[in-house]
Amino acid sequence: MAHAENEVTINRTADDVYAFLADGLNNKLWRPAVQEVALAGGQAGAQGAVYSQTLTGPGGRPIAGDYEITAAQPGRRLDFEVTAGPARPNGSFTLEERDGRTTVRFELDLEPKGLMKLMGSMITKTMQSEVGQLDTLKSVLEAGGGLNG
């Protein structure tokens, strides 16, 4: 199984961080590979919400990266499953607030199948790059990007 995780502490409340992460339309603000994103079904940020995403893939080609929110615990945890695209990991954001600052842990897991098993190190590297974007999330949120208030 391929696994990647990262953690960062953001100078915002857990409710602020959660609200930003739960709204998939914010992905373009902190994940540079996201070209387009739209709410395709369900209630924004709620369990069962489906987001349609176009990502920049290998060689700059657009690839699908649609996902569904599989668990939503406001201010605490957000889980998702990628439902379209070449790699379909499960992911989670776990939030823990202390003194108005929130520690965010971003984890991705993928069970490679078929030919993907041969690309294990490349998949892990891509997943590590994805969770590494928490530093961008921190910068955007601490600058007040995407938040009202």
C-alpha atoms as a PDB file:
ATOM      1  CA  MET A   1       0.000   0.000   0.000  1.00  0.00           C
ATOM      2  CA  ALA A   2       1.234   3.482  -0.860  1.00  0.00           C
ATOM      3  CA  HIS A   3       0.967   5.963   2.012  1.00  0.00           C
ATOM      4  CA  ALA A   4       1.868   9.620   2.462  1.00  0.00           C
ATOM      5  CA  GLU A   5       1.189  12.031   5.290  1.00  0.00           C
ATOM      6  CA  ASN A   6       2.121  15.505   6.395  1.00  0.00           C
ATOM      7  CA  GLU A   7       1.221  17.824   9.237  1.00  0.00           C
ATOM      8  CA  VAL A   8       1.226  21.598   9.658  1.00  0.00           C
ATOM      9  CA  THR A   9      -0.026  24.046  12.290  1.00  0.00           C
ATOM     10  CA  ILE A  10      -2.104  26.941  10.991  1.00  0.00           C
ATOM     11  CA  ASN A  11      -2.868  30.132  12.895  1.00  0.00           C
ATOM     12  CA  ARG A  12      -6.622  29.750  12.388  1.00  0.00           C
ATOM     13  CA  THR A  13      -9.397  28.006  14.312  1.00  0.00           C
ATOM     14  CA  ALA A  14     -10.330  24.429  13.466  1.00  0.00           C
ATOM     15  CA  ASP A  15     -13.735  25.652  12.269  1.00  0.00           C
ATOM     16  CA  ASP A  16     -12.077  28.062   9.807  1.00  0.00           C
ATOM     17  CA  VAL A  17      -9.687  25.408   8.490  1.00  0.00           C
ATOM     18  CA  TYR A  18     -12.445  22.808   8.214  1.00  0.00           C
ATOM     19  CA  ALA A  19     -14.813  25.166   6.369  1.00  0.00           C
ATOM     20  CA  PHE A  20     -12.071  25.971   3.854  1.00  0.00           C
ATOM     21  CA  LEU A  21     -11.112  22.328   3.272  1.00  0.00           C
ATOM     22  CA  ALA A  22     -14.710  21.071   3.113  1.00  0.00           C
ATOM     23  CA  ASP A  23     -15.523  23.467   0.273  1.00  0.00           C
ATOM     24  CA  GLY A  24     -13.806  21.713  -2.623  1.00  0.00           C
ATOM     25  CA  LEU A  25     -14.078  24.879  -4.723  1.00  0.00           C
ATOM     26  CA  ASN A  26     -11.167  26.202  -2.628  1.00  0.00           C
ATOM     27  CA  ASN A  27      -8.835  23.488  -3.978  1.00  0.00           C
ATOM     28  CA  LYS A  28      -7.656  25.798  -6.763  1.00  0.00           C
ATOM     29  CA  LEU A  29      -6.414  28.260  -4.130  1.00  0.00           C
ATOM     30  CA  TRP A  30      -3.883  25.882  -2.564  1.00  0.00           C
ATOM     31  CA  ARG A  31      -3.372  22.921  -4.898  1.00  0.00           C
ATOM     32  CA  PRO A  32      -1.544  24.093  -8.035  1.00  0.00           C
ATOM     33  CA  ALA A  33      -2.406  20.936 -10.048  1.00  0.00           C
ATOM     34  CA  VAL A  34      -6.144  21.703  -9.880  1.00  0.00           C
ATOM     35  CA  GLN A  35      -7.191  23.291 -13.173  1.00  0.00           C
ATOM     36  CA  GLU A  36     -10.964  23.160 -12.693  1.00  0.00           C
ATOM     37  CA  VAL A  37     -13.267  22.086  -9.872  1.00  0.00           C
ATOM     38  CA  ALA A  38     -17.049  22.095  -9.510  1.00  0.00           C
ATOM     39  CA  LEU A  39     -19.638  20.699  -7.119  1.00  0.00           C
ATOM     40  CA  ALA A  40     -21.174  17.845  -9.127  1.00  0.00           C
ATOM     41  CA  GLY A  41     -23.644  16.543  -6.547  1.00  0.00           C
ATOM     42  CA  GLY A  42     -24.776  16.706  -2.949  1.00  0.00           C
ATOM     43  CA  GLN A  43     -24.469  19.561  -0.484  1.00  0.00           C
ATOM     44  CA  ALA A  44     -21.158  21.473  -0.560  1.00  0.00           C
ATOM     45  CA  GLY A  45     -18.815  20.233   2.158  1.00  0.00           C
ATOM     46  CA  ALA A  46     -21.200  17.568   3.451  1.00  0.00           C
ATOM     47  CA  GLN A  47     -20.836  13.798   3.471  1.00  0.00           C
ATOM     48  CA  GLY A  48     -21.842  12.543   0.031  1.00  0.00           C
ATOM     49  CA  ALA A  49     -20.809  15.746  -1.778  1.00  0.00           C
ATOM     50  CA  VAL A  50     -19.140  14.955  -5.094  1.00  0.00           C
ATOM     51  CA  TYR A  51     -16.621  17.295  -6.690  1.00  0.00           C
ATOM     52  CA  SER A  52     -15.591  17.071 -10.321  1.00  0.00           C
ATOM     53  CA  GLN A  53     -11.931  18.053 -10.778  1.00  0.00           C
ATOM     54  CA  THR A  54      -9.538  18.386 -13.693  1.00  0.00           C
ATOM     55  CA  LEU A  55      -5.905  18.084 -12.662  1.00  0.00           C
ATOM     56  CA  THR A  56      -2.627  18.636 -14.461  1.00  0.00           C
ATOM     57  CA  GLY A  57      -1.259  15.171 -15.104  1.00  0.00           C
ATOM     58  CA  PRO A  58       1.996  13.810 -16.500  1.00  0.00           C
ATOM     59  CA  GLY A  59       3.327  15.923 -19.353  1.00  0.00           C
ATOM     60  CA  GLY A  60       0.820  18.658 -18.501  1.00  0.00           C
ATOM     61  CA  ARG A  61      -2.102  16.612 -19.813  1.00  0.00           C
ATOM     62  CA  PRO A  62      -5.456  17.145 -18.083  1.00  0.00           C
ATOM     63  CA  ILE A  63      -6.693  14.167 -16.047  1.00  0.00           C
ATOM     64  CA  ALA A  64      -9.811  13.544 -13.984  1.00  0.00           C
ATOM     65  CA  GLY A  65      -9.519  13.676 -10.211  1.00  0.00           C
ATOM     66  CA  ASP A  66     -13.160  13.605  -9.088  1.00  0.00           C
ATOM     67  CA  TYR A  67     -13.787  12.821  -5.436  1.00  0.00           C
ATOM     68  CA  GLU A  68     -16.542  12.243  -2.893  1.00  0.00           C
ATOM     69  CA  ILE A  69     -16.585  13.328   0.737  1.00  0.00           C
ATOM     70  CA  THR A  70     -17.054  10.078   2.684  1.00  0.00           C
ATOM     71  CA  ALA A  71     -17.059  11.480   6.238  1.00  0.00           C
ATOM     72  CA  ALA A  72     -17.580  15.005   7.532  1.00  0.00           C
ATOM     73  CA  GLN A  73     -17.074  15.921  11.192  1.00  0.00           C
ATOM     74  CA  PRO A  74     -17.027  19.744  11.266  1.00  0.00           C
ATOM     75  CA  GLY A  75     -13.954  21.155  12.970  1.00  0.00           C
ATOM     76  CA  ARG A  76     -12.455  17.681  13.431  1.00  0.00           C
ATOM     77  CA  ARG A  77     -12.144  15.440  10.387  1.00  0.00           C
ATOM     78  CA  LEU A  78     -12.864  15.286   6.652  1.00  0.00           C
ATOM     79  CA  ASP A  79     -12.447  12.061   4.665  1.00  0.00           C
ATOM     80  CA  PHE A  80     -12.653  11.629   0.913  1.00  0.00           C
ATOM     81  CA  GLU A  81     -12.280   9.037  -1.815  1.00  0.00           C
ATOM     82  CA  VAL A  82     -11.052   9.800  -5.334  1.00  0.00           C
ATOM     83  CA  THR A  83     -13.599   8.299  -7.742  1.00  0.00           C
ATOM     84  CA  ALA A  84     -12.141   9.142 -11.174  1.00  0.00           C
ATOM     85  CA  GLY A  85      -8.676   9.250 -12.632  1.00  0.00           C
ATOM     86  CA  PRO A  86      -5.691   6.966 -12.940  1.00  0.00           C
ATOM     87  CA  ALA A  87      -5.008   6.852  -9.177  1.00  0.00           C
ATOM     88  CA  ARG A  88      -7.877   6.668  -6.700  1.00  0.00           C
ATOM     89  CA  PRO A  89      -6.564   7.129  -3.176  1.00  0.00           C
ATOM     90  CA  ASN A  90      -8.521   7.588   0.014  1.00  0.00           C
ATOM     91  CA  GLY A  91      -7.599  10.640   2.023  1.00  0.00           C
ATOM     92  CA  SER A  92      -8.294  12.364   5.296  1.00  0.00           C
ATOM     93  CA  PHE A  93      -7.730  15.683   6.983  1.00  0.00           C
ATOM     94  CA  THR A  94      -7.614  15.467  10.780  1.00  0.00           C
ATOM     95  CA  LEU A  95      -7.772  18.740  12.718  1.00  0.00           C
ATOM     96  CA  GLU A  96      -6.806  19.460  16.309  1.00  0.00           C
ATOM     97  CA  GLU A  97      -7.174  22.969  17.725  1.00  0.00           C
ATOM     98  CA  ARG A  98      -5.148  24.345  20.602  1.00  0.00           C
ATOM     99  CA  ASP A  99      -5.142  28.029  21.628  1.00  0.00           C
ATOM    100  CA  GLY A 100      -6.739  29.176  18.374  1.00  0.00           C
ATOM    101  CA  ARG A 101      -4.168  27.336  16.248  1.00  0.00           C
ATOM    102  CA  THR A 102      -5.029  24.184  14.319  1.00  0.00           C
ATOM    103  CA  THR A 103      -2.779  21.258  13.555  1.00  0.00           C
ATOM    104  CA  VAL A 104      -3.844  19.629  10.291  1.00  0.00           C
ATOM    105  CA  ARG A 105      -2.744  16.108   9.370  1.00  0.00           C
ATOM    106  CA  PHE A 106      -3.281  15.161   5.716  1.00  0.00           C
ATOM    107  CA  GLU A 107      -3.019  11.438   4.886  1.00  0.00           C
ATOM    108  CA  LEU A 108      -3.372   9.611   1.581  1.00  0.00           C
ATOM    109  CA  ASP A 109      -3.555   5.839   1.064  1.00  0.00           C
ATOM    110  CA  LEU A 110      -3.683   3.915  -2.189  1.00  0.00           C
ATOM    111  CA  GLU A 111      -3.744   0.197  -2.885  1.00  0.00           C
ATOM    112  CA  PRO A 112      -2.136  -0.035  -6.342  1.00  0.00           C
ATOM    113  CA  LYS A 113      -3.739  -2.547  -8.698  1.00  0.00           C
ATOM    114  CA  GLY A 114      -2.624  -4.072 -11.979  1.00  0.00           C
ATOM    115  CA  LEU A 115       0.130  -2.180 -13.762  1.00  0.00           C
ATOM    116  CA  MET A 116       0.075   0.520 -11.059  1.00  0.00           C
ATOM    117  CA  LYS A 117       1.937  -1.924  -8.808  1.00  0.00           C
ATOM    118  CA  LEU A 118       4.971  -1.423 -11.057  1.00  0.00           C
ATOM    119  CA  MET A 119       4.880   2.342 -10.484  1.00  0.00           C
ATOM    120  CA  GLY A 120       4.891   2.196  -6.682  1.00  0.00           C
ATOM    121  CA  SER A 121       7.754   4.646  -6.099  1.00  0.00           C
ATOM    122  CA  MET A 122       6.337   7.167  -8.587  1.00  0.00           C
ATOM    123  CA  ILE A 123       2.901   6.927  -6.974  1.00  0.00           C
ATOM    124  CA  THR A 124       4.358   7.435  -3.500  1.00  0.00           C
ATOM    125  CA  LYS A 125       6.370  10.434  -4.711  1.00  0.00           C
ATOM    126  CA  THR A 126       3.235  12.002  -6.241  1.00  0.00           C
ATOM    127  CA  MET A 127       1.268  11.399  -3.031  1.00  0.00           C
ATOM    128  CA  GLN A 128       4.078  12.928  -0.935  1.00  0.00           C
ATOM    129  CA  SER A 129       4.015  15.990  -3.174  1.00  0.00           C
ATOM    130  CA  GLU A 130       0.249  16.266  -2.680  1.00  0.00           C
ATOM    131  CA  VAL A 131       0.361  16.134   1.142  1.00  0.00           C
ATOM    132  CA  GLY A 132       3.355  18.490   1.033  1.00  0.00           C
ATOM    133  CA  GLN A 133       1.015  21.203  -0.216  1.00  0.00           C
ATOM    134  CA  LEU A 134      -0.158  21.767   3.352  1.00  0.00           C
ATOM    135  CA  ASP A 135       2.456  24.544   3.495  1.00  0.00           C
ATOM    136  CA  THR A 136       0.551  26.341   0.726  1.00  0.00           C
ATOM    137  CA  LEU A 137      -2.716  25.753   2.598  1.00  0.00           C
ATOM    138  CA  LYS A 138      -1.147  27.345   5.687  1.00  0.00           C
ATOM    139  CA  SER A 139       0.018  30.392   3.698  1.00  0.00           C
ATOM    140  CA  VAL A 140      -3.375  30.890   2.049  1.00  0.00           C
ATOM    141  CA  LEU A 141      -5.354  30.537   5.279  1.00  0.00           C
ATOM    142  CA  GLU A 142      -3.057  32.698   7.387  1.00  0.00           C
ATOM    143  CA  ALA A 143      -3.310  35.419   4.729  1.00  0.00           C
ATOM    144  CA  GLY A 144      -7.118  35.178   5.016  1.00  0.00           C
ATOM    145  CA  GLY A 145      -7.585  33.709   1.531  1.00  0.00           C
ATOM    146  CA  GLY A 146     -10.946  32.094   0.881  1.00  0.00           C
ATOM    147  CA  LEU A 147     -12.298  32.995   4.320  1.00  0.00           C
ATOM    148  CA  ASN A 148     -14.939  35.480   5.308  1.00  0.00           C
ATOM    149  CA  GLY A 149     -13.764  37.104   8.507  1.00  0.00           C
END
